[in-house]
Amino acid sequence: GINAEYGDQVITGIWLKGAQKGHSLLKKKSDALTMKFRQTLKKIIDNKLVMGDVMKAVYFSLAEAAYSAGDITQTVIQNADKAQNKIKFQRDNVAGVQLTNFTMHTEGSDNYQLTGLGKGGQTVSRCKDTAQKALKLLVELASLQTAFITLDEAIKITNRRVNGIEYVIIPRFENTIAYVIEELDERDREEFYRLKKIQDKKKIIRAKQKKLADALTKKEADKAMSVDQPARSILEQQHDPDIMF
């Protein structure tokens, strides 16, 4: 019935408002993720440019250390008891997306502080510091690239949802509401036409009833006049018109 269609229109309107609200929120999420994605990409490019210079410095300082202190490979291997540099990771929440962030920290004493004590100590220390810087930069780059991949996937999923709501769900609800409104307008026009026809028929019936009542009233009046007029007696003198021959 009409009430059911009004109810469908109201419910569909609520769904449409919800879809529009969800589209707005997902659009904001997509914009936030895209901004973070671009910032991450810029940092990756900058770090890779720096990484090239740092790795050159590492190889150069390693060659210097080998030249000054001789071959220190065996010394480094023997002193490698346990890792000094360790990786910690934490979760960063960006618009509902969990990004893994790696950080490097150093634990324990320096196992290589006596390396190169005989000769080339400063060169070995400089080589170690340069390698430490390169390692830290590599960890940061790994963190950025992991976030880059996660953001890229999240942006694709979010954009698919945004497009699905914008081009499928919202138009479907709008078409449903437009159809219901059109049907209700058509029913209103039919109801108006029906009421108008009923009013016209009532007018015709009232006119016929009035005409009949007027006719009956006139007939009764004529009858009453004929009853009230007395009959003429034959004994009364009556004046007959003259006859001309």
C-alpha atoms as a PDB file:
ATOM      1  CA  GLY A   1       0.000   0.000   0.000  1.00  0.00           C
ATOM      2  CA  ILE A   2       0.888   3.683   0.072  1.00  0.00           C
ATOM      3  CA  ASN A   3       2.046   3.539   3.687  1.00  0.00           C
ATOM      4  CA  ALA A   4       4.363   0.634   2.871  1.00  0.00           C
ATOM      5  CA  GLU A   5       5.870   2.575  -0.031  1.00  0.00           C
ATOM      6  CA  TYR A   6       6.339   5.630   2.198  1.00  0.00           C
ATOM      7  CA  GLY A   7       8.092   3.332   4.682  1.00  0.00           C
ATOM      8  CA  ASP A   8      10.329   1.959   1.913  1.00  0.00           C
ATOM      9  CA  GLN A   9      11.182   5.508   0.877  1.00  0.00           C
ATOM     10  CA  VAL A  10      12.127   6.450   4.441  1.00  0.00           C
ATOM     11  CA  ILE A  11      14.233   3.314   4.962  1.00  0.00           C
ATOM     12  CA  THR A  12      15.988   3.740   1.617  1.00  0.00           C
ATOM     13  CA  GLY A  13      16.647   7.390   2.467  1.00  0.00           C
ATOM     14  CA  ILE A  14      18.284   6.308   5.732  1.00  0.00           C
ATOM     15  CA  TRP A  15      20.422   3.812   3.818  1.00  0.00           C
ATOM     16  CA  LEU A  16      21.352   6.523   1.334  1.00  0.00           C
ATOM     17  CA  LYS A  17      22.442   8.866   4.143  1.00  0.00           C
ATOM     18  CA  GLY A  18      24.509   6.064   5.639  1.00  0.00           C
ATOM     19  CA  ALA A  19      26.138   5.303   2.290  1.00  0.00           C
ATOM     20  CA  GLN A  20      26.949   8.982   1.755  1.00  0.00           C
ATOM     21  CA  LYS A  21      28.426   9.230   5.261  1.00  0.00           C
ATOM     22  CA  GLY A  22      30.493   6.096   4.686  1.00  0.00           C
ATOM     23  CA  HIS A  23      31.674   7.437   1.335  1.00  0.00           C
ATOM     24  CA  SER A  24      32.753  10.694   2.969  1.00  0.00           C
ATOM     25  CA  LEU A  25      34.684   8.891   5.717  1.00  0.00           C
ATOM     26  CA  LEU A  26      36.364   6.498   3.290  1.00  0.00           C
ATOM     27  CA  LYS A  27      37.266   9.424   1.030  1.00  0.00           C
ATOM     28  CA  LYS A  28      38.946  11.193   3.958  1.00  0.00           C
ATOM     29  CA  LYS A  29      40.747   7.965   4.848  1.00  0.00           C
ATOM     30  CA  SER A  30      41.935   7.572   1.259  1.00  0.00           C
ATOM     31  CA  ASP A  31      43.208  11.170   1.212  1.00  0.00           C
ATOM     32  CA  ALA A  32      45.072  10.668   4.512  1.00  0.00           C
ATOM     33  CA  LEU A  33      46.638   7.415   3.291  1.00  0.00           C
ATOM     34  CA  THR A  34      47.596   9.001  -0.025  1.00  0.00           C
ATOM     35  CA  MET A  35      49.289  11.895   1.764  1.00  0.00           C
ATOM     36  CA  LYS A  36      51.213   9.473   3.998  1.00  0.00           C
ATOM     37  CA  PHE A  37      52.059   7.388   0.928  1.00  0.00           C
ATOM     38  CA  ARG A  38      53.564  10.376  -0.861  1.00  0.00           C
ATOM     39  CA  GLN A  39      55.549  11.395   2.215  1.00  0.00           C
ATOM     40  CA  THR A  40      56.882   7.833   2.550  1.00  0.00           C
ATOM     41  CA  LEU A  41      57.793   7.722  -1.133  1.00  0.00           C
ATOM     42  CA  LYS A  42      59.707  11.000  -0.843  1.00  0.00           C
ATOM     43  CA  LYS A  43      61.614   9.677   2.187  1.00  0.00           C
ATOM     44  CA  ILE A  44      62.460   6.459   0.325  1.00  0.00           C
ATOM     45  CA  ILE A  45      63.848   8.411  -2.619  1.00  0.00           C
ATOM     46  CA  ASP A  46      65.875  10.679  -0.327  1.00  0.00           C
ATOM     47  CA  ASN A  47      67.226   7.722   1.686  1.00  0.00           C
ATOM     48  CA  LYS A  48      68.206   5.823  -1.442  1.00  0.00           C
ATOM     49  CA  LEU A  49      70.090   8.830  -2.720  1.00  0.00           C
ATOM     50  CA  VAL A  50      71.874   9.139   0.618  1.00  0.00           C
ATOM     51  CA  MET A  51      72.408   5.372   0.737  1.00  0.00           C
ATOM     52  CA  GLY A  52      74.496   5.478  -2.416  1.00  0.00           C
ATOM     53  CA  ASP A  53      76.924   7.990  -0.894  1.00  0.00           C
ATOM     54  CA  VAL A  54      76.968   6.143   2.456  1.00  0.00           C
ATOM     55  CA  MET A  55      77.778   2.786   0.859  1.00  0.00           C
ATOM     56  CA  LYS A  56      80.570   4.400  -1.126  1.00  0.00           C
ATOM     57  CA  ALA A  57      81.944   5.805   2.141  1.00  0.00           C
ATOM     58  CA  VAL A  58      81.655   2.350   3.782  1.00  0.00           C
ATOM     59  CA  TYR A  59      83.638   0.609   1.041  1.00  0.00           C
ATOM     60  CA  PHE A  60      86.192   3.390   1.023  1.00  0.00           C
ATOM     61  CA  SER A  61      86.635   3.302   4.815  1.00  0.00           C
ATOM     62  CA  LEU A  62      86.852  -0.510   4.709  1.00  0.00           C
ATOM     63  CA  ALA A  63      89.637  -0.243   2.172  1.00  0.00           C
ATOM     64  CA  GLU A  64      91.372   2.317   4.389  1.00  0.00           C
ATOM     65  CA  ALA A  65      91.071   0.025   7.413  1.00  0.00           C
ATOM     66  CA  ALA A  66      92.434  -2.920   5.462  1.00  0.00           C
ATOM     67  CA  TYR A  67      95.312  -0.802   4.283  1.00  0.00           C
ATOM     68  CA  SER A  68      96.106   0.605   7.739  1.00  0.00           C
ATOM     69  CA  ALA A  69      95.384  -2.351  10.029  1.00  0.00           C
ATOM     70  CA  GLY A  70      95.721  -5.211   7.607  1.00  0.00           C
ATOM     71  CA  ASP A  71      93.119  -7.921   7.172  1.00  0.00           C
ATOM     72  CA  ILE A  72      90.764  -7.653  10.163  1.00  0.00           C
ATOM     73  CA  THR A  73      88.211 -10.176   8.884  1.00  0.00           C
ATOM     74  CA  GLN A  74      89.207 -12.985  11.222  1.00  0.00           C
ATOM     75  CA  THR A  75      89.301 -10.640  14.213  1.00  0.00           C
ATOM     76  CA  VAL A  76      85.788  -9.421  13.490  1.00  0.00           C
ATOM     77  CA  ILE A  77      84.474 -12.992  13.082  1.00  0.00           C
ATOM     78  CA  GLN A  78      86.069 -14.161  16.332  1.00  0.00           C
ATOM     79  CA  ASN A  79      84.638 -11.264  18.327  1.00  0.00           C
ATOM     80  CA  ALA A  80      81.139 -11.728  16.899  1.00  0.00           C
ATOM     81  CA  ASP A  81      79.741 -13.438  19.992  1.00  0.00           C
ATOM     82  CA  LYS A  82      76.211 -12.009  19.913  1.00  0.00           C
ATOM     83  CA  ALA A  83      74.488  -9.224  18.067  1.00  0.00           C
ATOM     84  CA  GLN A  84      74.978  -5.747  19.435  1.00  0.00           C
ATOM     85  CA  ASN A  85      72.582  -4.060  17.060  1.00  0.00           C
ATOM     86  CA  LYS A  86      69.013  -5.237  17.446  1.00  0.00           C
ATOM     87  CA  ILE A  87      65.788  -4.295  15.721  1.00  0.00           C
ATOM     88  CA  LYS A  88      62.636  -3.291  17.491  1.00  0.00           C
ATOM     89  CA  PHE A  89      59.380  -2.723  15.737  1.00  0.00           C
ATOM     90  CA  GLN A  90      56.251  -0.879  16.730  1.00  0.00           C
ATOM     91  CA  ARG A  91      52.884  -0.254  15.155  1.00  0.00           C
ATOM     92  CA  ASP A  92      51.833   3.167  13.943  1.00  0.00           C
ATOM     93  CA  ASN A  93      48.139   3.770  13.266  1.00  0.00           C
ATOM     94  CA  VAL A  94      47.461   5.899  10.199  1.00  0.00           C
ATOM     95  CA  ALA A  95      43.733   6.280   9.431  1.00  0.00           C
ATOM     96  CA  GLY A  96      43.041   2.797  10.754  1.00  0.00           C
ATOM     97  CA  VAL A  97      45.960   1.164   8.922  1.00  0.00           C
ATOM     98  CA  GLN A  98      48.678  -0.444  11.047  1.00  0.00           C
ATOM     99  CA  LEU A  99      52.161   0.447   9.765  1.00  0.00           C
ATOM    100  CA  THR A 100      55.231  -1.413  11.003  1.00  0.00           C
ATOM    101  CA  ASN A 101      58.051   0.895  12.072  1.00  0.00           C
ATOM    102  CA  PHE A 102      61.549  -0.573  12.596  1.00  0.00           C
ATOM    103  CA  THR A 103      64.090   1.060  14.907  1.00  0.00           C
ATOM    104  CA  MET A 104      67.640  -0.045  15.620  1.00  0.00           C
ATOM    105  CA  HIS A 105      69.261   0.094  19.051  1.00  0.00           C
ATOM    106  CA  THR A 106      72.621  -1.060  20.444  1.00  0.00           C
ATOM    107  CA  GLU A 107      72.932  -3.367  23.435  1.00  0.00           C
ATOM    108  CA  GLY A 108      75.991  -4.415  25.466  1.00  0.00           C
ATOM    109  CA  SER A 109      79.607  -3.335  25.212  1.00  0.00           C
ATOM    110  CA  ASP A 110      81.579  -2.789  22.036  1.00  0.00           C
ATOM    111  CA  ASN A 111      83.290  -6.072  21.133  1.00  0.00           C
ATOM    112  CA  TYR A 112      85.523  -4.374  18.607  1.00  0.00           C
ATOM    113  CA  GLN A 113      86.929  -1.554  20.737  1.00  0.00           C
ATOM    114  CA  LEU A 114      90.366  -3.246  20.844  1.00  0.00           C
ATOM    115  CA  THR A 115      90.423  -4.029  17.136  1.00  0.00           C
ATOM    116  CA  GLY A 116      93.237  -2.174  15.430  1.00  0.00           C
ATOM    117  CA  LEU A 117      94.893  -1.303  18.699  1.00  0.00           C
ATOM    118  CA  GLY A 118      98.301  -2.145  17.303  1.00  0.00           C
ATOM    119  CA  LYS A 119      97.911  -0.078  14.161  1.00  0.00           C
ATOM    120  CA  GLY A 120      95.197   1.671  12.253  1.00  0.00           C
ATOM    121  CA  GLY A 121      92.920   2.054  15.275  1.00  0.00           C
ATOM    122  CA  GLN A 122      91.396   5.345  14.163  1.00  0.00           C
ATOM    123  CA  THR A 123      90.806   4.021  10.657  1.00  0.00           C
ATOM    124  CA  VAL A 124      89.053   0.913  12.000  1.00  0.00           C
ATOM    125  CA  SER A 125      86.930   3.016  14.356  1.00  0.00           C
ATOM    126  CA  ARG A 126      85.973   5.319  11.502  1.00  0.00           C
ATOM    127  CA  CYS A 127      85.070   2.292   9.359  1.00  0.00           C
ATOM    128  CA  LYS A 128      82.896   0.913  12.159  1.00  0.00           C
ATOM    129  CA  ASP A 129      81.059   4.227  12.606  1.00  0.00           C
ATOM    130  CA  THR A 130      80.469   4.505   8.874  1.00  0.00           C
ATOM    131  CA  ALA A 131      79.123   0.935   8.736  1.00  0.00           C
ATOM    132  CA  GLN A 132      76.921   1.666  11.755  1.00  0.00           C
ATOM    133  CA  LYS A 133      75.477   4.674   9.959  1.00  0.00           C
ATOM    134  CA  ALA A 134      74.846   2.587   6.842  1.00  0.00           C
ATOM    135  CA  LEU A 135      73.137  -0.128   8.912  1.00  0.00           C
ATOM    136  CA  LYS A 136      70.873   2.411  10.580  1.00  0.00           C
ATOM    137  CA  LEU A 137      69.986   3.871   7.220  1.00  0.00           C
ATOM    138  CA  LEU A 138      69.203   0.390   5.864  1.00  0.00           C
ATOM    139  CA  VAL A 139      66.854  -0.295   8.788  1.00  0.00           C
ATOM    140  CA  GLU A 140      65.093   3.000   8.201  1.00  0.00           C
ATOM    141  CA  LEU A 141      64.814   2.241   4.499  1.00  0.00           C
ATOM    142  CA  ALA A 142      63.372  -1.212   5.252  1.00  0.00           C
ATOM    143  CA  SER A 143      60.797   0.406   7.551  1.00  0.00           C
ATOM    144  CA  LEU A 144      59.822   2.911   4.859  1.00  0.00           C
ATOM    145  CA  GLN A 145      59.533   0.283   2.138  1.00  0.00           C
ATOM    146  CA  THR A 146      57.401  -1.939   4.379  1.00  0.00           C
ATOM    147  CA  ALA A 147      55.104   1.012   5.101  1.00  0.00           C
ATOM    148  CA  PHE A 148      55.085   1.846   1.377  1.00  0.00           C
ATOM    149  CA  ILE A 149      53.813  -1.632   0.443  1.00  0.00           C
ATOM    150  CA  THR A 150      51.220  -1.636   3.237  1.00  0.00           C
ATOM    151  CA  LEU A 151      49.953   1.831   2.298  1.00  0.00           C
ATOM    152  CA  ASP A 152      49.779   0.940  -1.386  1.00  0.00           C
ATOM    153  CA  GLU A 153      47.588  -2.089  -0.662  1.00  0.00           C
ATOM    154  CA  ALA A 154      45.405  -0.169   1.803  1.00  0.00           C
ATOM    155  CA  ILE A 155      44.898   2.685  -0.687  1.00  0.00           C
ATOM    156  CA  LYS A 156      43.839   0.238  -3.423  1.00  0.00           C
ATOM    157  CA  ILE A 157      41.298  -1.433  -1.126  1.00  0.00           C
ATOM    158  CA  THR A 158      39.965   1.903   0.160  1.00  0.00           C
ATOM    159  CA  ASN A 159      39.646   3.371  -3.340  1.00  0.00           C
ATOM    160  CA  ARG A 160      37.772   0.276  -4.513  1.00  0.00           C
ATOM    161  CA  ARG A 161      35.337   0.731  -1.647  1.00  0.00           C
ATOM    162  CA  VAL A 162      34.979   4.463  -2.359  1.00  0.00           C
ATOM    163  CA  ASN A 163      34.285   3.797  -6.038  1.00  0.00           C
ATOM    164  CA  GLY A 164      31.868   0.988  -5.206  1.00  0.00           C
ATOM    165  CA  ILE A 165      29.849   3.235  -2.897  1.00  0.00           C
ATOM    166  CA  GLU A 166      30.017   6.248  -5.239  1.00  0.00           C
ATOM    167  CA  TYR A 167      29.199   4.515  -8.535  1.00  0.00           C
ATOM    168  CA  VAL A 168      27.127   1.480  -7.464  1.00  0.00           C
ATOM    169  CA  ILE A 169      25.494   1.731  -4.037  1.00  0.00           C
ATOM    170  CA  ILE A 170      24.551   5.439  -3.938  1.00  0.00           C
ATOM    171  CA  PRO A 171      23.073   5.476  -7.512  1.00  0.00           C
ATOM    172  CA  ARG A 172      21.111   2.318  -6.685  1.00  0.00           C
ATOM    173  CA  PHE A 173      19.567   3.925  -3.605  1.00  0.00           C
ATOM    174  CA  GLU A 174      18.894   7.166  -5.510  1.00  0.00           C
ATOM    175  CA  ASN A 175      17.168   5.238  -8.315  1.00  0.00           C
ATOM    176  CA  THR A 176      15.079   3.328  -5.768  1.00  0.00           C
ATOM    177  CA  ILE A 177      14.001   6.556  -4.057  1.00  0.00           C
ATOM    178  CA  ALA A 178      13.205   8.179  -7.415  1.00  0.00           C
ATOM    179  CA  TYR A 179      11.115   5.148  -8.407  1.00  0.00           C
ATOM    180  CA  VAL A 180       9.182   5.188  -5.115  1.00  0.00           C
ATOM    181  CA  ILE A 181       8.556   8.950  -5.413  1.00  0.00           C
ATOM    182  CA  GLU A 182       7.361   8.514  -8.999  1.00  0.00           C
ATOM    183  CA  GLU A 183       4.988   5.731  -7.954  1.00  0.00           C
ATOM    184  CA  LEU A 184       3.640   7.802  -5.075  1.00  0.00           C
ATOM    185  CA  ASP A 185       3.114  10.813  -7.365  1.00  0.00           C
ATOM    186  CA  GLU A 186       1.293   8.578  -9.841  1.00  0.00           C
ATOM    187  CA  ARG A 187      -0.953   7.280  -7.075  1.00  0.00           C
ATOM    188  CA  ASP A 188      -1.611  10.817  -5.887  1.00  0.00           C
ATOM    189  CA  ARG A 189      -2.640  11.800  -9.415  1.00  0.00           C
ATOM    190  CA  GLU A 190      -4.911   8.759  -9.669  1.00  0.00           C
ATOM    191  CA  GLU A 191      -6.450   9.516  -6.283  1.00  0.00           C
ATOM    192  CA  PHE A 192      -7.018  13.164  -7.265  1.00  0.00           C
ATOM    193  CA  TYR A 193      -8.655  12.097 -10.548  1.00  0.00           C
ATOM    194  CA  ARG A 194     -10.842   9.566  -8.705  1.00  0.00           C
ATOM    195  CA  LEU A 195     -11.959  12.146  -6.147  1.00  0.00           C
ATOM    196  CA  LYS A 196     -12.688  14.647  -8.902  1.00  0.00           C
ATOM    197  CA  LYS A 197     -14.859  12.124 -10.756  1.00  0.00           C
ATOM    198  CA  ILE A 198     -16.693  11.350  -7.518  1.00  0.00           C
ATOM    199  CA  GLN A 199     -17.304  15.067  -6.940  1.00  0.00           C
ATOM    200  CA  ASP A 200     -18.607  15.477 -10.526  1.00  0.00           C
ATOM    201  CA  LYS A 201     -20.985  12.548 -10.089  1.00  0.00           C
ATOM    202  CA  LYS A 202     -22.213  13.968  -6.804  1.00  0.00           C
ATOM    203  CA  LYS A 203     -22.835  17.326  -8.489  1.00  0.00           C
ATOM    204  CA  ILE A 204     -24.851  15.625 -11.248  1.00  0.00           C
ATOM    205  CA  ILE A 205     -26.859  13.631  -8.703  1.00  0.00           C
ATOM    206  CA  ARG A 206     -27.542  16.776  -6.625  1.00  0.00           C
ATOM    207  CA  ALA A 207     -28.620  18.684  -9.759  1.00  0.00           C
ATOM    208  CA  LYS A 208     -31.040  15.888 -10.732  1.00  0.00           C
ATOM    209  CA  GLN A 209     -32.385  15.725  -7.196  1.00  0.00           C
ATOM    210  CA  LYS A 210     -32.868  19.508  -7.157  1.00  0.00           C
ATOM    211  CA  LYS A 211     -34.618  19.434 -10.530  1.00  0.00           C
ATOM    212  CA  LEU A 212     -36.883  16.624  -9.393  1.00  0.00           C
ATOM    213  CA  ALA A 213     -37.610  18.429  -6.146  1.00  0.00           C
ATOM    214  CA  ASP A 214     -38.452  21.625  -8.028  1.00  0.00           C
ATOM    215  CA  ALA A 215     -40.762  19.700 -10.343  1.00  0.00           C
ATOM    216  CA  LEU A 216     -42.502  18.026  -7.418  1.00  0.00           C
ATOM    217  CA  THR A 217     -42.851  21.338  -5.617  1.00  0.00           C
ATOM    218  CA  LYS A 218     -44.431  22.976  -8.694  1.00  0.00           C
ATOM    219  CA  LYS A 219     -46.784  20.062  -9.209  1.00  0.00           C
ATOM    220  CA  GLU A 220     -47.908  20.145  -5.598  1.00  0.00           C
ATOM    221  CA  ALA A 221     -48.427  23.912  -5.823  1.00  0.00           C
ATOM    222  CA  ASP A 222     -50.623  23.546  -8.942  1.00  0.00           C
ATOM    223  CA  LYS A 223     -52.611  20.826  -7.267  1.00  0.00           C
ATOM    224  CA  ALA A 224     -53.127  22.942  -4.198  1.00  0.00           C
ATOM    225  CA  MET A 225     -54.375  25.846  -6.288  1.00  0.00           C
ATOM    226  CA  SER A 226     -56.884  23.633  -8.088  1.00  0.00           C
ATOM    227  CA  VAL A 227     -58.206  22.316  -4.772  1.00  0.00           C
ATOM    228  CA  ASP A 228     -58.600  25.767  -3.240  1.00  0.00           C
ATOM    229  CA  GLN A 229     -60.639  27.225  -6.201  1.00  0.00           C
ATOM    230  CA  PRO A 230     -64.498  26.582  -5.590  1.00  0.00           C
ATOM    231  CA  ALA A 231     -66.653  24.923  -8.266  1.00  0.00           C
ATOM    232  CA  ARG A 232     -69.085  27.158 -10.190  1.00  0.00           C
ATOM    233  CA  SER A 233     -72.876  26.560  -9.790  1.00  0.00           C
ATOM    234  CA  ILE A 234     -75.121  26.185 -12.825  1.00  0.00           C
ATOM    235  CA  LEU A 235     -77.681  28.487 -11.216  1.00  0.00           C
ATOM    236  CA  GLU A 236     -75.303  31.342 -11.124  1.00  0.00           C
ATOM    237  CA  GLN A 237     -75.764  33.885 -13.816  1.00  0.00           C
ATOM    238  CA  GLN A 238     -73.064  33.469 -16.280  1.00  0.00           C
ATOM    239  CA  HIS A 239     -72.256  35.931 -18.988  1.00  0.00           C
ATOM    240  CA  ASP A 240     -71.887  34.170 -22.249  1.00  0.00           C
ATOM    241  CA  PRO A 241     -70.298  35.980 -25.109  1.00  0.00           C
ATOM    242  CA  ASP A 242     -72.521  37.232 -27.935  1.00  0.00           C
ATOM    243  CA  ILE A 243     -72.711  35.052 -30.980  1.00  0.00           C
ATOM    244  CA  MET A 244     -72.333  36.851 -34.258  1.00  0.00           C
ATOM    245  CA  PHE A 245     -74.136  35.421 -37.313  1.00  0.00           C
END
